[in-house]
N, C-alpha and C. Protein backbone atom coordinates (compact mmCIF):
# COMPACT_ATOMS: atom_id res chain seq x y z
N UNK A 1 15.15 7.20 75.29
CA UNK A 1 14.43 6.17 74.70
C UNK A 1 14.84 6.14 73.19
N UNK A 2 14.99 7.19 72.60
CA UNK A 2 15.41 7.16 71.10
C UNK A 2 16.91 6.48 70.87
N UNK A 3 17.75 6.56 71.98
CA UNK A 3 19.02 6.02 71.78
C UNK A 3 18.97 4.45 71.91
N UNK A 4 18.10 4.09 72.73
CA UNK A 4 17.87 2.54 72.86
C UNK A 4 17.32 2.12 71.59
N UNK A 5 16.39 2.79 70.98
CA UNK A 5 15.71 2.42 69.76
C UNK A 5 16.93 2.45 68.61
N UNK A 6 17.77 3.51 68.56
CA UNK A 6 18.85 3.42 67.67
C UNK A 6 19.83 2.30 67.90
N UNK A 7 20.13 2.03 69.17
CA UNK A 7 21.02 0.79 69.40
C UNK A 7 20.32 -0.47 68.85
N UNK A 8 19.06 -0.53 69.07
CA UNK A 8 18.31 -1.69 68.62
C UNK A 8 18.31 -1.92 67.15
N UNK A 9 18.15 -0.73 66.54
CA UNK A 9 18.12 -0.67 65.03
C UNK A 9 19.52 -1.00 64.41
N UNK A 10 20.47 -0.48 65.09
CA UNK A 10 21.96 -0.68 64.68
C UNK A 10 22.21 -2.23 64.86
N UNK A 11 21.79 -2.74 65.88
CA UNK A 11 22.04 -4.19 66.21
C UNK A 11 21.31 -5.12 65.14
N UNK A 12 20.07 -4.60 64.94
CA UNK A 12 19.25 -5.42 63.88
C UNK A 12 19.91 -5.33 62.47
N UNK A 13 20.37 -4.16 62.17
CA UNK A 13 21.02 -3.99 60.94
C UNK A 13 22.22 -4.90 60.86
N UNK A 14 23.08 -4.90 61.92
CA UNK A 14 24.29 -5.72 61.91
C UNK A 14 23.89 -7.16 61.76
N UNK A 15 22.86 -7.57 62.40
CA UNK A 15 22.49 -8.98 62.26
C UNK A 15 22.03 -9.32 60.90
N UNK A 16 21.35 -8.40 60.33
CA UNK A 16 20.90 -8.56 58.88
C UNK A 16 22.16 -8.56 57.95
N UNK A 17 23.12 -7.74 58.16
CA UNK A 17 24.30 -7.78 57.32
C UNK A 17 25.12 -8.88 57.62
N UNK A 18 25.18 -9.51 58.86
CA UNK A 18 25.83 -10.73 58.97
C UNK A 18 25.10 -11.84 58.34
N UNK A 19 23.95 -11.83 58.30
CA UNK A 19 23.18 -12.90 57.69
C UNK A 19 23.40 -12.83 56.19
N UNK A 20 23.70 -11.75 55.62
CA UNK A 20 23.87 -11.66 54.11
C UNK A 20 25.44 -11.64 53.69
N UNK A 21 26.38 -11.81 54.59
CA UNK A 21 27.72 -11.70 54.22
C UNK A 21 28.59 -12.94 54.68
N UNK A 22 28.64 -13.99 54.00
CA UNK A 22 29.38 -15.09 54.27
C UNK A 22 29.63 -15.86 52.94
N UNK A 23 30.78 -16.72 53.07
CA UNK A 23 31.14 -17.50 51.86
C UNK A 23 30.01 -18.49 51.80
N UNK A 24 30.03 -19.09 50.54
CA UNK A 24 29.03 -20.30 50.36
C UNK A 24 29.45 -21.35 51.32
N UNK A 25 28.33 -22.26 51.63
CA UNK A 25 28.56 -23.27 52.55
C UNK A 25 29.62 -24.22 52.10
N UNK A 26 30.39 -24.71 52.92
CA UNK A 26 31.51 -25.53 52.69
C UNK A 26 32.81 -24.94 52.26
N UNK A 27 32.77 -23.55 52.17
CA UNK A 27 34.10 -22.95 51.95
C UNK A 27 34.45 -22.13 53.27
N UNK A 28 35.79 -21.99 53.34
CA UNK A 28 36.30 -21.33 54.45
C UNK A 28 36.35 -19.90 54.20
N UNK A 29 36.12 -18.98 55.18
CA UNK A 29 36.27 -17.57 54.95
C UNK A 29 37.66 -17.12 54.58
N UNK A 30 37.75 -16.18 53.79
CA UNK A 30 39.20 -15.76 53.60
C UNK A 30 40.01 -15.25 54.67
N UNK A 31 41.28 -15.52 54.63
CA UNK A 31 42.18 -15.11 55.90
C UNK A 31 42.36 -13.57 55.50
N UNK A 32 41.78 -12.68 56.33
CA UNK A 32 41.89 -11.29 56.11
C UNK A 32 41.92 -10.74 57.46
N UNK A 33 42.46 -9.65 57.50
CA UNK A 33 42.43 -8.69 58.68
C UNK A 33 41.01 -7.96 58.71
N UNK A 34 40.43 -7.73 59.99
CA UNK A 34 39.31 -6.88 59.87
C UNK A 34 39.58 -5.55 59.28
N UNK A 35 38.75 -5.28 58.47
CA UNK A 35 38.80 -4.06 57.74
C UNK A 35 39.17 -4.30 56.24
N UNK A 36 39.87 -5.35 55.97
CA UNK A 36 40.17 -5.82 54.52
C UNK A 36 39.11 -6.51 53.87
N UNK A 37 38.18 -7.04 54.61
CA UNK A 37 37.20 -7.95 54.09
C UNK A 37 35.95 -7.82 54.93
N UNK A 38 34.85 -7.53 54.29
CA UNK A 38 33.56 -7.24 54.99
C UNK A 38 33.14 -8.52 55.90
N UNK A 39 33.33 -9.66 55.40
CA UNK A 39 32.85 -10.78 56.17
C UNK A 39 33.76 -10.86 57.44
N UNK A 40 34.99 -10.69 57.38
CA UNK A 40 35.86 -10.69 58.59
C UNK A 40 35.40 -9.63 59.58
N UNK A 41 35.18 -8.41 59.15
CA UNK A 41 34.56 -7.30 59.97
C UNK A 41 33.27 -7.76 60.67
N UNK A 42 32.42 -8.33 60.02
CA UNK A 42 31.08 -8.75 60.47
C UNK A 42 31.40 -9.86 61.71
N UNK A 43 32.19 -10.78 61.24
CA UNK A 43 32.58 -11.86 62.11
C UNK A 43 33.31 -11.48 63.46
N UNK A 44 34.04 -10.38 63.26
CA UNK A 44 34.96 -9.83 64.40
C UNK A 44 33.90 -9.01 65.19
N UNK A 45 33.00 -8.31 64.63
CA UNK A 45 32.04 -7.50 65.39
C UNK A 45 31.08 -8.45 66.24
N UNK A 46 30.64 -9.47 65.71
CA UNK A 46 29.71 -10.42 66.33
C UNK A 46 30.64 -11.05 67.47
N UNK A 47 31.77 -11.46 67.33
CA UNK A 47 32.57 -12.08 68.23
C UNK A 47 32.82 -11.16 69.50
N UNK A 48 33.11 -9.85 69.05
CA UNK A 48 33.26 -8.77 70.10
C UNK A 48 31.95 -8.75 71.10
N UNK A 49 30.93 -8.64 70.46
CA UNK A 49 29.63 -8.57 71.12
C UNK A 49 29.42 -9.80 72.05
N UNK A 50 29.59 -10.89 71.52
CA UNK A 50 29.51 -12.10 72.17
C UNK A 50 30.43 -12.29 73.49
N UNK A 51 31.59 -11.68 73.37
CA UNK A 51 32.53 -11.74 74.47
C UNK A 51 32.45 -10.48 75.26
N UNK A 52 31.53 -9.68 75.23
CA UNK A 52 31.37 -8.35 75.91
C UNK A 52 32.39 -7.48 75.67
N UNK A 53 33.14 -7.52 74.49
CA UNK A 53 34.32 -6.58 74.08
C UNK A 53 33.62 -5.51 73.38
N UNK A 54 32.89 -4.43 74.09
CA UNK A 54 32.21 -3.48 73.45
C UNK A 54 33.28 -2.49 72.80
N UNK A 55 34.28 -2.28 73.32
CA UNK A 55 35.34 -1.37 72.67
C UNK A 55 35.78 -1.90 71.32
N UNK A 56 36.08 -3.23 71.26
CA UNK A 56 36.27 -3.86 70.01
C UNK A 56 35.26 -3.76 69.02
N UNK A 57 34.02 -3.86 69.45
CA UNK A 57 32.83 -3.70 68.62
C UNK A 57 32.71 -2.20 68.09
N UNK A 58 32.91 -1.23 68.99
CA UNK A 58 32.88 0.18 68.73
C UNK A 58 33.82 0.48 67.59
N UNK A 59 35.12 -0.09 67.75
CA UNK A 59 36.16 0.22 66.69
C UNK A 59 35.88 -0.21 65.40
N UNK A 60 34.90 -1.15 65.27
CA UNK A 60 34.53 -1.68 63.95
C UNK A 60 33.35 -0.86 63.26
N UNK A 61 32.77 0.13 64.04
CA UNK A 61 31.71 0.85 63.53
C UNK A 61 32.26 2.12 62.57
N UNK A 62 31.50 2.44 61.71
CA UNK A 62 31.86 3.52 60.83
C UNK A 62 31.53 4.82 61.66
N UNK A 63 32.17 5.88 61.12
CA UNK A 63 31.83 7.25 61.80
C UNK A 63 30.41 7.52 61.85
N UNK A 64 29.75 7.25 60.61
CA UNK A 64 28.25 7.40 60.53
C UNK A 64 27.45 6.63 61.54
N UNK A 65 27.88 5.34 61.85
CA UNK A 65 27.18 4.56 62.84
C UNK A 65 27.40 5.03 64.24
N UNK A 66 28.67 5.69 64.53
CA UNK A 66 28.91 6.09 65.85
C UNK A 66 28.04 7.39 66.20
N UNK A 67 27.66 8.05 65.16
CA UNK A 67 26.87 9.25 65.32
C UNK A 67 25.48 9.03 65.95
N UNK A 68 25.08 7.69 65.89
CA UNK A 68 23.73 7.36 66.54
C UNK A 68 24.04 7.35 68.10
N UNK A 69 25.24 7.55 68.61
CA UNK A 69 25.43 7.39 70.09
C UNK A 69 26.05 8.66 70.60
N UNK A 70 25.46 9.76 70.29
CA UNK A 70 26.14 11.07 70.61
C UNK A 70 25.84 11.37 72.12
N UNK A 71 26.80 12.04 72.69
CA UNK A 71 26.59 12.55 74.08
C UNK A 71 27.47 13.85 74.08
N UNK A 72 26.67 14.93 74.41
CA UNK A 72 27.33 16.17 74.44
C UNK A 72 27.88 16.54 72.92
N UNK A 73 27.06 16.18 71.98
CA UNK A 73 27.35 16.54 70.52
C UNK A 73 28.41 15.66 69.97
N UNK A 74 28.98 14.72 70.65
CA UNK A 74 30.12 13.93 70.11
C UNK A 74 29.68 12.34 70.23
N UNK A 75 30.16 11.64 69.26
CA UNK A 75 29.91 10.20 69.42
C UNK A 75 30.49 9.74 70.70
N UNK A 76 29.83 8.82 71.49
CA UNK A 76 30.27 8.41 72.66
C UNK A 76 30.35 6.91 72.84
N UNK A 77 31.47 6.41 73.03
CA UNK A 77 31.78 4.85 73.21
C UNK A 77 30.88 4.43 74.57
N UNK A 78 30.98 5.27 75.51
CA UNK A 78 30.25 5.01 76.89
C UNK A 78 28.93 4.83 76.66
N UNK A 79 28.18 5.72 75.78
CA UNK A 79 26.79 5.62 75.58
C UNK A 79 26.51 4.38 74.78
N UNK A 80 27.32 4.03 73.74
CA UNK A 80 27.17 2.70 73.03
C UNK A 80 27.20 1.66 74.05
N UNK A 81 28.22 1.51 74.79
CA UNK A 81 28.44 0.43 75.69
C UNK A 81 27.18 0.25 76.73
N UNK A 82 26.85 1.41 77.31
CA UNK A 82 25.64 1.40 78.19
C UNK A 82 24.39 0.85 77.47
N UNK A 83 24.13 1.46 76.31
CA UNK A 83 22.86 0.93 75.70
C UNK A 83 22.99 -0.53 75.27
N UNK A 84 23.99 -1.07 74.75
CA UNK A 84 24.11 -2.45 74.41
C UNK A 84 23.81 -3.29 75.66
N UNK A 85 24.59 -2.82 76.69
CA UNK A 85 24.41 -3.73 77.96
C UNK A 85 23.02 -3.71 78.53
N UNK A 86 22.31 -2.50 78.37
CA UNK A 86 20.98 -2.57 78.82
C UNK A 86 20.04 -3.37 77.84
N UNK A 87 20.27 -3.34 76.57
CA UNK A 87 19.65 -4.01 75.66
C UNK A 87 19.80 -5.53 75.83
N UNK A 88 20.99 -5.94 75.98
CA UNK A 88 21.39 -7.39 76.20
C UNK A 88 20.82 -7.86 77.68
N UNK A 89 20.88 -7.00 78.54
CA UNK A 89 20.42 -7.39 79.88
C UNK A 89 18.88 -7.36 79.95
N UNK A 90 18.24 -6.62 79.15
CA UNK A 90 16.80 -6.70 79.17
C UNK A 90 16.17 -7.81 78.40
N UNK A 91 16.95 -8.36 77.38
CA UNK A 91 16.49 -9.54 76.66
C UNK A 91 17.79 -10.38 76.40
N UNK A 92 18.10 -11.36 77.33
CA UNK A 92 19.30 -12.13 77.08
C UNK A 92 19.21 -12.96 75.77
N UNK A 93 17.99 -13.27 75.29
CA UNK A 93 17.79 -14.01 74.21
C UNK A 93 18.51 -13.35 72.91
N UNK A 94 18.58 -11.99 72.92
CA UNK A 94 19.13 -11.31 71.83
C UNK A 94 20.73 -11.65 71.73
N UNK A 95 21.28 -11.79 72.85
CA UNK A 95 22.67 -12.12 72.89
C UNK A 95 22.93 -13.58 72.28
N UNK A 96 21.96 -14.42 72.85
CA UNK A 96 22.02 -15.81 72.24
C UNK A 96 21.96 -15.91 70.85
N UNK A 97 21.16 -15.09 70.27
CA UNK A 97 20.97 -15.09 68.84
C UNK A 97 22.29 -14.73 68.03
N UNK A 98 23.27 -14.19 68.67
CA UNK A 98 24.51 -13.89 67.99
C UNK A 98 25.21 -15.26 67.60
N UNK A 99 25.00 -16.18 68.34
CA UNK A 99 25.64 -17.58 68.03
C UNK A 99 25.09 -18.11 66.72
N UNK A 100 23.92 -17.68 66.34
CA UNK A 100 23.41 -18.14 64.94
C UNK A 100 23.77 -17.29 63.78
N UNK A 101 24.59 -16.18 64.06
CA UNK A 101 24.94 -15.32 62.91
C UNK A 101 26.10 -15.93 62.20
N UNK A 102 25.75 -16.15 60.86
CA UNK A 102 26.70 -16.65 59.99
C UNK A 102 26.58 -15.93 58.72
N UNK A 103 27.66 -15.16 58.33
CA UNK A 103 27.58 -14.38 57.11
C UNK A 103 27.40 -15.38 55.88
N UNK A 104 26.64 -14.83 54.91
CA UNK A 104 26.28 -15.66 53.70
C UNK A 104 26.89 -15.13 52.39
N UNK A 105 26.93 -13.96 52.31
CA UNK A 105 27.31 -13.27 51.00
C UNK A 105 27.86 -12.00 51.14
N UNK A 106 28.94 -11.53 50.32
CA UNK A 106 29.40 -10.09 50.49
C UNK A 106 28.87 -9.41 49.13
N UNK A 107 28.24 -8.27 49.61
CA UNK A 107 27.81 -7.40 48.40
C UNK A 107 28.42 -6.04 48.64
N UNK A 108 29.35 -5.63 47.78
CA UNK A 108 29.95 -4.30 47.90
C UNK A 108 29.23 -3.32 46.93
N UNK A 109 28.75 -2.13 47.46
CA UNK A 109 28.06 -1.12 46.61
C UNK A 109 28.88 0.09 46.68
N UNK A 110 28.51 0.97 45.82
CA UNK A 110 29.17 2.36 45.76
C UNK A 110 28.11 3.25 44.98
N UNK A 111 28.35 4.49 45.06
CA UNK A 111 27.57 5.40 44.18
C UNK A 111 28.58 6.43 43.60
N UNK A 112 28.49 6.55 42.29
CA UNK A 112 29.33 7.45 41.57
C UNK A 112 28.55 8.67 41.18
N UNK A 113 28.94 9.84 41.70
CA UNK A 113 28.28 11.11 41.33
C UNK A 113 28.88 11.77 40.07
N UNK A 114 28.07 12.08 39.13
CA UNK A 114 28.51 12.56 37.94
C UNK A 114 27.76 13.99 37.58
N UNK A 115 28.63 14.78 36.97
CA UNK A 115 28.01 16.12 36.60
C UNK A 115 27.75 16.09 35.18
N UNK A 116 26.52 16.52 35.01
CA UNK A 116 25.95 16.56 33.38
C UNK A 116 25.80 17.97 33.01
N UNK A 117 26.14 18.35 31.92
CA UNK A 117 25.96 19.68 31.24
C UNK A 117 25.32 19.58 29.94
N UNK A 118 24.23 20.44 29.80
CA UNK A 118 23.53 20.40 28.55
C UNK A 118 23.40 21.96 28.33
N UNK A 119 24.09 22.45 27.37
CA UNK A 119 24.08 23.94 27.24
C UNK A 119 24.65 24.69 28.52
N UNK A 120 23.77 25.46 28.95
CA UNK A 120 24.09 26.32 30.18
C UNK A 120 23.61 25.52 31.43
N UNK A 121 22.80 24.51 31.33
CA UNK A 121 22.22 23.79 32.32
C UNK A 121 23.11 22.72 32.89
N UNK A 122 23.31 22.76 34.19
CA UNK A 122 24.18 21.72 34.89
C UNK A 122 23.45 21.02 35.89
N UNK A 123 23.67 19.73 36.07
CA UNK A 123 22.94 18.93 37.16
C UNK A 123 23.89 17.76 37.45
N UNK A 124 23.63 17.21 38.76
CA UNK A 124 24.39 16.06 39.08
C UNK A 124 23.47 14.91 39.24
N UNK A 125 24.12 13.91 39.07
CA UNK A 125 23.36 12.51 39.21
C UNK A 125 24.12 11.46 39.96
N UNK A 126 23.39 10.57 40.67
CA UNK A 126 24.00 9.56 41.40
C UNK A 126 23.75 8.20 40.61
N UNK A 127 24.83 7.48 40.35
CA UNK A 127 24.73 6.29 39.62
C UNK A 127 25.10 5.18 40.66
N UNK A 128 24.12 4.39 41.03
CA UNK A 128 24.47 3.29 41.91
C UNK A 128 25.22 2.12 41.29
N UNK A 129 26.22 1.72 41.94
CA UNK A 129 27.19 0.70 41.42
C UNK A 129 27.17 -0.54 42.39
N UNK A 130 27.47 -1.75 41.85
CA UNK A 130 27.74 -2.93 42.58
C UNK A 130 28.86 -3.74 42.09
N UNK A 131 29.61 -4.31 42.96
CA UNK A 131 30.69 -5.15 42.50
C UNK A 131 30.30 -6.61 42.49
N UNK A 132 30.34 -7.16 41.27
CA UNK A 132 29.86 -8.50 40.87
C UNK A 132 31.09 -9.22 40.25
N UNK A 133 31.45 -10.34 41.02
CA UNK A 133 32.50 -11.10 40.45
C UNK A 133 33.75 -10.37 40.19
N UNK A 134 34.03 -9.43 41.08
CA UNK A 134 35.26 -8.74 41.07
C UNK A 134 35.19 -7.51 40.07
N UNK A 135 34.17 -7.21 39.42
CA UNK A 135 33.95 -6.18 38.45
C UNK A 135 32.86 -5.23 38.95
N UNK A 136 33.17 -3.93 38.85
CA UNK A 136 32.04 -3.00 39.00
C UNK A 136 31.01 -2.91 37.89
N UNK A 137 29.83 -3.07 38.27
CA UNK A 137 28.63 -2.83 37.26
C UNK A 137 27.71 -1.86 37.70
N UNK A 138 26.99 -1.18 36.74
CA UNK A 138 26.05 -0.12 37.16
C UNK A 138 24.74 -0.91 37.70
N UNK A 139 24.28 -0.54 38.88
CA UNK A 139 23.24 -1.29 39.41
C UNK A 139 21.80 -0.77 38.92
N UNK A 140 21.81 0.50 38.59
CA UNK A 140 20.50 0.93 38.13
C UNK A 140 20.73 2.50 37.54
N UNK A 141 19.75 2.87 36.78
CA UNK A 141 19.99 4.29 36.20
C UNK A 141 18.96 5.26 36.70
């Protein structure tokens, strides 16, 4: 049951990401290969799900995302495929919702870990970053 919940959460996150990652209205998405552009990755993922290409969708997941579908201690494509088929089979409306997924905006974030030393005391801090207009900016302190 926890794996179905994980699949549902993963799907919901991807829908939310898709809703937040597209070019402004009236502009064409950049021509890029999946992996080069976040919007292209989301679009390719959604298309894979719509066409039941679960292997294609799996290949677009990060290692961390694949960890939610472990079997015998290892990420399992078969488990991913089975859970998505069950989820879409249980509620066909969810698959229909994929037709409405249109990326809106790309927001690229990162965290820079810095080591700070004051006398003999050392500590590390994480500084959240965001890419705005092609330039990295500090998001918060």
